[in-house]
Amino acid sequence: MDLLEIYVYGSPLLRRKTRKVERLPDHFPEFLERMFATMHNDDGIGLSANQVGVEMQFFIADFSLHDKNFGREVFINPEIIAKEGADIFEEGCLSVPEIREKVTRAFKIKVRYENLNREVIEKEFDDFFARVIQHETDHLNGILFIDHISPLKRSFLNSKLKAIAQKGKTQTNPVVI
């Protein structure tokens, strides 16, 4: 299976808000399999559409990588409708390779989204799962995890970010699915 290109920091597509999914293309399940394969190849647990150049509001997550009692999920048009508590934990991102930083996020969330059958679901998630959903939903809104760290910490990362951005600046063309 052909893997997808992961767009990295510096790509303008990562900073644009994605558009709501109205209609799914017929080959959407096959595209999702390519997304899962790409994510697994890079040891990720979540991957948003714009990280592979698609300007649509959806992301995938494979929660079974963290807890065998959970599985793979597809979140279409996700919206976090409630947040509770706060938690600090180290995050990384496939679009910001080799950088990990502590980020504060809500400990518990309630999210409304559509599944692959386009059924609207409202579900609560906490701890690690809530963190993944917040991280990926941020992506769909043009926000990266490094936007949640202090300016001082970001200044320490400037040289690494500039090096990553050199590749990202060339990733300007959206992918149409």
C-alpha atoms as a PDB file:
ATOM      1  CA  MET A   1       0.000   0.000   0.000  1.00  0.00           C
ATOM      2  CA  ASP A   2       1.283   3.442  -0.905  1.00  0.00           C
ATOM      3  CA  LEU A   3       1.876   5.646   2.090  1.00  0.00           C
ATOM      4  CA  LEU A   4       0.817   9.277   2.116  1.00  0.00           C
ATOM      5  CA  GLU A   5       3.167  12.220   2.508  1.00  0.00           C
ATOM      6  CA  ILE A   6       2.988  13.816   5.945  1.00  0.00           C
ATOM      7  CA  TYR A   7       2.953  17.599   5.760  1.00  0.00           C
ATOM      8  CA  VAL A   8       5.294  19.178   8.284  1.00  0.00           C
ATOM      9  CA  TYR A   9       5.695  22.421  10.192  1.00  0.00           C
ATOM     10  CA  GLY A  10       6.130  25.270   7.735  1.00  0.00           C
ATOM     11  CA  SER A  11       3.475  24.017   5.315  1.00  0.00           C
ATOM     12  CA  PRO A  12       0.759  26.642   4.957  1.00  0.00           C
ATOM     13  CA  LEU A  13      -1.866  23.872   4.822  1.00  0.00           C
ATOM     14  CA  LEU A  14      -1.246  23.058   8.485  1.00  0.00           C
ATOM     15  CA  ARG A  15      -2.167  26.613   9.498  1.00  0.00           C
ATOM     16  CA  ARG A  16      -5.451  26.793   7.588  1.00  0.00           C
ATOM     17  CA  LYS A  17      -8.751  25.797   9.130  1.00  0.00           C
ATOM     18  CA  THR A  18     -10.147  22.780   7.313  1.00  0.00           C
ATOM     19  CA  ARG A  19     -13.600  22.793   5.756  1.00  0.00           C
ATOM     20  CA  LYS A  20     -16.544  20.766   6.967  1.00  0.00           C
ATOM     21  CA  VAL A  21     -17.073  17.392   5.297  1.00  0.00           C
ATOM     22  CA  GLU A  22     -20.280  17.450   3.277  1.00  0.00           C
ATOM     23  CA  ARG A  23     -19.941  14.387   1.058  1.00  0.00           C
ATOM     24  CA  LEU A  24     -17.467  11.557   1.344  1.00  0.00           C
ATOM     25  CA  PRO A  25     -15.857  10.279  -1.846  1.00  0.00           C
ATOM     26  CA  ASP A  26     -16.624   6.676  -2.819  1.00  0.00           C
ATOM     27  CA  HIS A  27     -13.028   5.625  -2.178  1.00  0.00           C
ATOM     28  CA  PHE A  28     -12.945   7.172   1.315  1.00  0.00           C
ATOM     29  CA  PRO A  29     -12.496   3.820   3.155  1.00  0.00           C
ATOM     30  CA  GLU A  30      -9.456   3.032   0.993  1.00  0.00           C
ATOM     31  CA  PHE A  31      -8.015   6.484   1.669  1.00  0.00           C
ATOM     32  CA  LEU A  32      -8.510   5.948   5.413  1.00  0.00           C
ATOM     33  CA  GLU A  33      -6.568   2.675   5.193  1.00  0.00           C
ATOM     34  CA  ARG A  34      -3.692   4.583   3.583  1.00  0.00           C
ATOM     35  CA  MET A  35      -3.907   7.132   6.412  1.00  0.00           C
ATOM     36  CA  PHE A  36      -3.795   4.395   9.056  1.00  0.00           C
ATOM     37  CA  ALA A  37      -0.837   2.734   7.297  1.00  0.00           C
ATOM     38  CA  THR A  38       0.998   6.082   7.106  1.00  0.00           C
ATOM     39  CA  MET A  39       0.298   6.829  10.771  1.00  0.00           C
ATOM     40  CA  HIS A  40       1.416   3.370  11.910  1.00  0.00           C
ATOM     41  CA  ASN A  41       4.551   3.565   9.761  1.00  0.00           C
ATOM     42  CA  ASP A  42       5.592   6.686  11.713  1.00  0.00           C
ATOM     43  CA  ASP A  43       4.503   5.294  15.104  1.00  0.00           C
ATOM     44  CA  GLY A  44       1.634   7.748  15.450  1.00  0.00           C
ATOM     45  CA  ILE A  45      -1.634   7.275  17.318  1.00  0.00           C
ATOM     46  CA  GLY A  46      -3.629  10.021  15.548  1.00  0.00           C
ATOM     47  CA  LEU A  47      -3.497  11.741  12.157  1.00  0.00           C
ATOM     48  CA  SER A  48      -5.600  14.608  10.846  1.00  0.00           C
ATOM     49  CA  ALA A  49      -6.619  15.082   7.225  1.00  0.00           C
ATOM     50  CA  ASN A  50      -4.590  18.256   6.758  1.00  0.00           C
ATOM     51  CA  GLN A  51      -1.447  16.453   7.944  1.00  0.00           C
ATOM     52  CA  VAL A  52      -1.681  14.504   4.686  1.00  0.00           C
ATOM     53  CA  GLY A  53      -2.659  17.551   2.652  1.00  0.00           C
ATOM     54  CA  VAL A  54      -6.451  17.134   2.673  1.00  0.00           C
ATOM     55  CA  GLU A  55      -8.343  20.261   3.689  1.00  0.00           C
ATOM     56  CA  MET A  56     -11.336  18.450   5.191  1.00  0.00           C
ATOM     57  CA  GLN A  57     -12.486  18.142   8.821  1.00  0.00           C
ATOM     58  CA  PHE A  58     -11.683  14.579   9.791  1.00  0.00           C
ATOM     59  CA  PHE A  59      -9.034  12.644  11.625  1.00  0.00           C
ATOM     60  CA  ILE A  60      -8.222   9.085  12.554  1.00  0.00           C
ATOM     61  CA  ALA A  61      -6.966   7.590  15.792  1.00  0.00           C
ATOM     62  CA  ASP A  62      -5.913   4.088  16.733  1.00  0.00           C
ATOM     63  CA  PHE A  63      -6.568   3.916  20.453  1.00  0.00           C
ATOM     64  CA  SER A  64      -5.704   0.207  20.531  1.00  0.00           C
ATOM     65  CA  LEU A  65      -2.052   1.245  20.415  1.00  0.00           C
ATOM     66  CA  HIS A  66      -2.530   2.648  23.934  1.00  0.00           C
ATOM     67  CA  ASP A  67      -5.212   0.342  25.309  1.00  0.00           C
ATOM     68  CA  LYS A  68      -6.248  -2.990  23.763  1.00  0.00           C
ATOM     69  CA  ASN A  69      -9.836  -2.429  24.982  1.00  0.00           C
ATOM     70  CA  PHE A  70     -10.240   0.353  22.423  1.00  0.00           C
ATOM     71  CA  GLY A  71      -9.957   0.351  18.639  1.00  0.00           C
ATOM     72  CA  ARG A  72      -9.564   2.473  15.561  1.00  0.00           C
ATOM     73  CA  GLU A  73     -11.794   5.515  15.256  1.00  0.00           C
ATOM     74  CA  VAL A  74     -12.690   7.968  12.510  1.00  0.00           C
ATOM     75  CA  PHE A  75     -13.848  11.431  13.628  1.00  0.00           C
ATOM     76  CA  ILE A  76     -15.666  13.419  10.926  1.00  0.00           C
ATOM     77  CA  ASN A  77     -16.544  17.080  11.600  1.00  0.00           C
ATOM     78  CA  PRO A  78     -15.479  16.811  15.259  1.00  0.00           C
ATOM     79  CA  GLU A  79     -16.453  19.483  17.746  1.00  0.00           C
ATOM     80  CA  ILE A  80     -15.382  19.550  21.371  1.00  0.00           C
ATOM     81  CA  ILE A  81     -18.505  20.663  23.220  1.00  0.00           C
ATOM     82  CA  ALA A  82     -17.319  20.410  26.835  1.00  0.00           C
ATOM     83  CA  LYS A  83     -14.007  20.392  28.701  1.00  0.00           C
ATOM     84  CA  GLU A  84     -13.203  19.574  32.298  1.00  0.00           C
ATOM     85  CA  GLY A  85     -10.078  19.631  34.420  1.00  0.00           C
ATOM     86  CA  ALA A  86      -6.500  20.068  33.272  1.00  0.00           C
ATOM     87  CA  ASP A  87      -3.571  17.776  32.729  1.00  0.00           C
ATOM     88  CA  ILE A  88       0.044  18.324  31.688  1.00  0.00           C
ATOM     89  CA  PHE A  89       1.712  15.694  29.556  1.00  0.00           C
ATOM     90  CA  GLU A  90       4.444  15.496  26.954  1.00  0.00           C
ATOM     91  CA  GLU A  91       3.265  15.538  23.333  1.00  0.00           C
ATOM     92  CA  GLY A  92       4.856  14.991  19.977  1.00  0.00           C
ATOM     93  CA  CYS A  93       3.523  15.255  16.463  1.00  0.00           C
ATOM     94  CA  LEU A  94       4.186  13.601  13.128  1.00  0.00           C
ATOM     95  CA  SER A  95       4.135  17.089  11.554  1.00  0.00           C
ATOM     96  CA  VAL A  96       6.712  18.423  14.002  1.00  0.00           C
ATOM     97  CA  PRO A  97       9.174  15.522  14.054  1.00  0.00           C
ATOM     98  CA  GLU A  98      11.744  15.039  16.804  1.00  0.00           C
ATOM     99  CA  ILE A  99      10.202  17.656  19.092  1.00  0.00           C
ATOM    100  CA  ARG A 100       8.368  16.728  22.274  1.00  0.00           C
ATOM    101  CA  GLU A 101       7.098  19.216  24.856  1.00  0.00           C
ATOM    102  CA  LYS A 102       4.762  19.292  27.829  1.00  0.00           C
ATOM    103  CA  VAL A 103       1.334  20.680  26.964  1.00  0.00           C
ATOM    104  CA  THR A 104      -1.633  21.498  29.203  1.00  0.00           C
ATOM    105  CA  ARG A 105      -4.968  20.169  27.950  1.00  0.00           C
ATOM    106  CA  ALA A 106      -8.366  19.366  29.412  1.00  0.00           C
ATOM    107  CA  PHE A 107      -8.402  16.043  31.256  1.00  0.00           C
ATOM    108  CA  LYS A 108     -11.964  15.184  30.209  1.00  0.00           C
ATOM    109  CA  ILE A 109     -13.869  16.237  27.103  1.00  0.00           C
ATOM    110  CA  LYS A 110     -17.175  15.643  25.402  1.00  0.00           C
ATOM    111  CA  VAL A 111     -16.959  15.537  21.639  1.00  0.00           C
ATOM    112  CA  ARG A 112     -19.639  15.544  18.944  1.00  0.00           C
ATOM    113  CA  TYR A 113     -18.608  13.960  15.661  1.00  0.00           C
ATOM    114  CA  GLU A 114     -19.803  11.800  12.814  1.00  0.00           C
ATOM    115  CA  ASN A 115     -18.582   8.256  12.367  1.00  0.00           C
ATOM    116  CA  LEU A 116     -17.888   6.561   9.039  1.00  0.00           C
ATOM    117  CA  ASN A 117     -21.625   5.841   8.628  1.00  0.00           C
ATOM    118  CA  ARG A 118     -22.265   9.586   9.112  1.00  0.00           C
ATOM    119  CA  GLU A 119     -24.097   8.958  12.384  1.00  0.00           C
ATOM    120  CA  VAL A 120     -23.751  11.838  14.851  1.00  0.00           C
ATOM    121  CA  ILE A 121     -22.186  10.688  18.091  1.00  0.00           C
ATOM    122  CA  GLU A 122     -21.646  12.514  21.379  1.00  0.00           C
ATOM    123  CA  LYS A 123     -19.124  10.786  23.582  1.00  0.00           C
ATOM    124  CA  GLU A 124     -16.951  11.556  26.593  1.00  0.00           C
ATOM    125  CA  PHE A 125     -13.245  10.802  26.637  1.00  0.00           C
ATOM    126  CA  ASP A 126     -10.690  11.336  29.351  1.00  0.00           C
ATOM    127  CA  ASP A 127      -6.978  11.196  30.021  1.00  0.00           C
ATOM    128  CA  PHE A 128      -4.846  10.061  27.072  1.00  0.00           C
ATOM    129  CA  PHE A 129      -7.785   9.662  24.666  1.00  0.00           C
ATOM    130  CA  ALA A 130      -9.023  13.187  25.399  1.00  0.00           C
ATOM    131  CA  ARG A 131      -5.510  14.498  24.746  1.00  0.00           C
ATOM    132  CA  VAL A 132      -5.294  12.790  21.341  1.00  0.00           C
ATOM    133  CA  ILE A 133      -8.703  14.132  20.294  1.00  0.00           C
ATOM    134  CA  GLN A 134      -7.817  17.679  21.392  1.00  0.00           C
ATOM    135  CA  HIS A 135      -4.465  17.482  19.569  1.00  0.00           C
ATOM    136  CA  GLU A 136      -6.061  16.280  16.316  1.00  0.00           C
ATOM    137  CA  THR A 137      -9.006  18.688  16.538  1.00  0.00           C
ATOM    138  CA  ASP A 138      -6.503  21.512  16.976  1.00  0.00           C
ATOM    139  CA  HIS A 139      -4.846  20.408  13.726  1.00  0.00           C
ATOM    140  CA  LEU A 140      -8.153  20.763  11.888  1.00  0.00           C
ATOM    141  CA  ASN A 141      -8.312  24.349  13.167  1.00  0.00           C
ATOM    142  CA  GLY A 142      -4.766  25.239  12.083  1.00  0.00           C
ATOM    143  CA  ILE A 143      -3.275  24.912  15.578  1.00  0.00           C
ATOM    144  CA  LEU A 144      -0.142  22.903  16.370  1.00  0.00           C
ATOM    145  CA  PHE A 145       0.835  21.563  19.789  1.00  0.00           C
ATOM    146  CA  ILE A 146       3.827  23.932  19.854  1.00  0.00           C
ATOM    147  CA  ASP A 147       1.321  26.816  19.906  1.00  0.00           C
ATOM    148  CA  HIS A 148       0.441  25.702  23.444  1.00  0.00           C
ATOM    149  CA  ILE A 149       3.963  26.080  24.844  1.00  0.00           C
ATOM    150  CA  SER A 150       5.463  29.263  26.228  1.00  0.00           C
ATOM    151  CA  PRO A 151       7.269  31.724  23.955  1.00  0.00           C
ATOM    152  CA  LEU A 152      10.441  31.082  25.949  1.00  0.00           C
ATOM    153  CA  LYS A 153      10.314  27.334  25.324  1.00  0.00           C
ATOM    154  CA  ARG A 154       9.537  27.949  21.653  1.00  0.00           C
ATOM    155  CA  SER A 155      12.571  30.217  21.378  1.00  0.00           C
ATOM    156  CA  PHE A 156      14.739  27.293  22.510  1.00  0.00           C
ATOM    157  CA  LEU A 157      13.255  25.236  19.668  1.00  0.00           C
ATOM    158  CA  ASN A 158      13.687  27.896  16.973  1.00  0.00           C
ATOM    159  CA  SER A 159      16.646  26.317  15.173  1.00  0.00           C
ATOM    160  CA  LYS A 160      14.935  22.900  15.037  1.00  0.00           C
ATOM    161  CA  LEU A 161      11.676  24.473  13.872  1.00  0.00           C
ATOM    162  CA  LYS A 162      13.445  26.439  11.142  1.00  0.00           C
ATOM    163  CA  ALA A 163      15.074  23.253   9.857  1.00  0.00           C
ATOM    164  CA  ILE A 164      11.710  21.449   9.757  1.00  0.00           C
ATOM    165  CA  ALA A 165      10.036  24.467   8.119  1.00  0.00           C
ATOM    166  CA  GLN A 166      12.415  24.314   5.160  1.00  0.00           C
ATOM    167  CA  LYS A 167      10.744  21.087   4.036  1.00  0.00           C
ATOM    168  CA  GLY A 168       7.278  22.274   5.027  1.00  0.00           C
ATOM    169  CA  LYS A 169       7.475  25.402   2.872  1.00  0.00           C
ATOM    170  CA  THR A 170       7.502  23.202  -0.234  1.00  0.00           C
ATOM    171  CA  GLN A 171       4.297  21.403   0.794  1.00  0.00           C
ATOM    172  CA  THR A 172       1.792  23.912  -0.529  1.00  0.00           C
ATOM    173  CA  ASN A 173      -0.525  21.839  -2.746  1.00  0.00           C
ATOM    174  CA  PRO A 174      -3.628  20.363  -1.175  1.00  0.00           C
ATOM    175  CA  VAL A 175      -4.496  16.741  -1.919  1.00  0.00           C
ATOM    176  CA  VAL A 176      -7.905  16.064  -3.421  1.00  0.00           C
ATOM    177  CA  ILE A 177      -9.586  12.820  -2.446  1.00  0.00           C
END
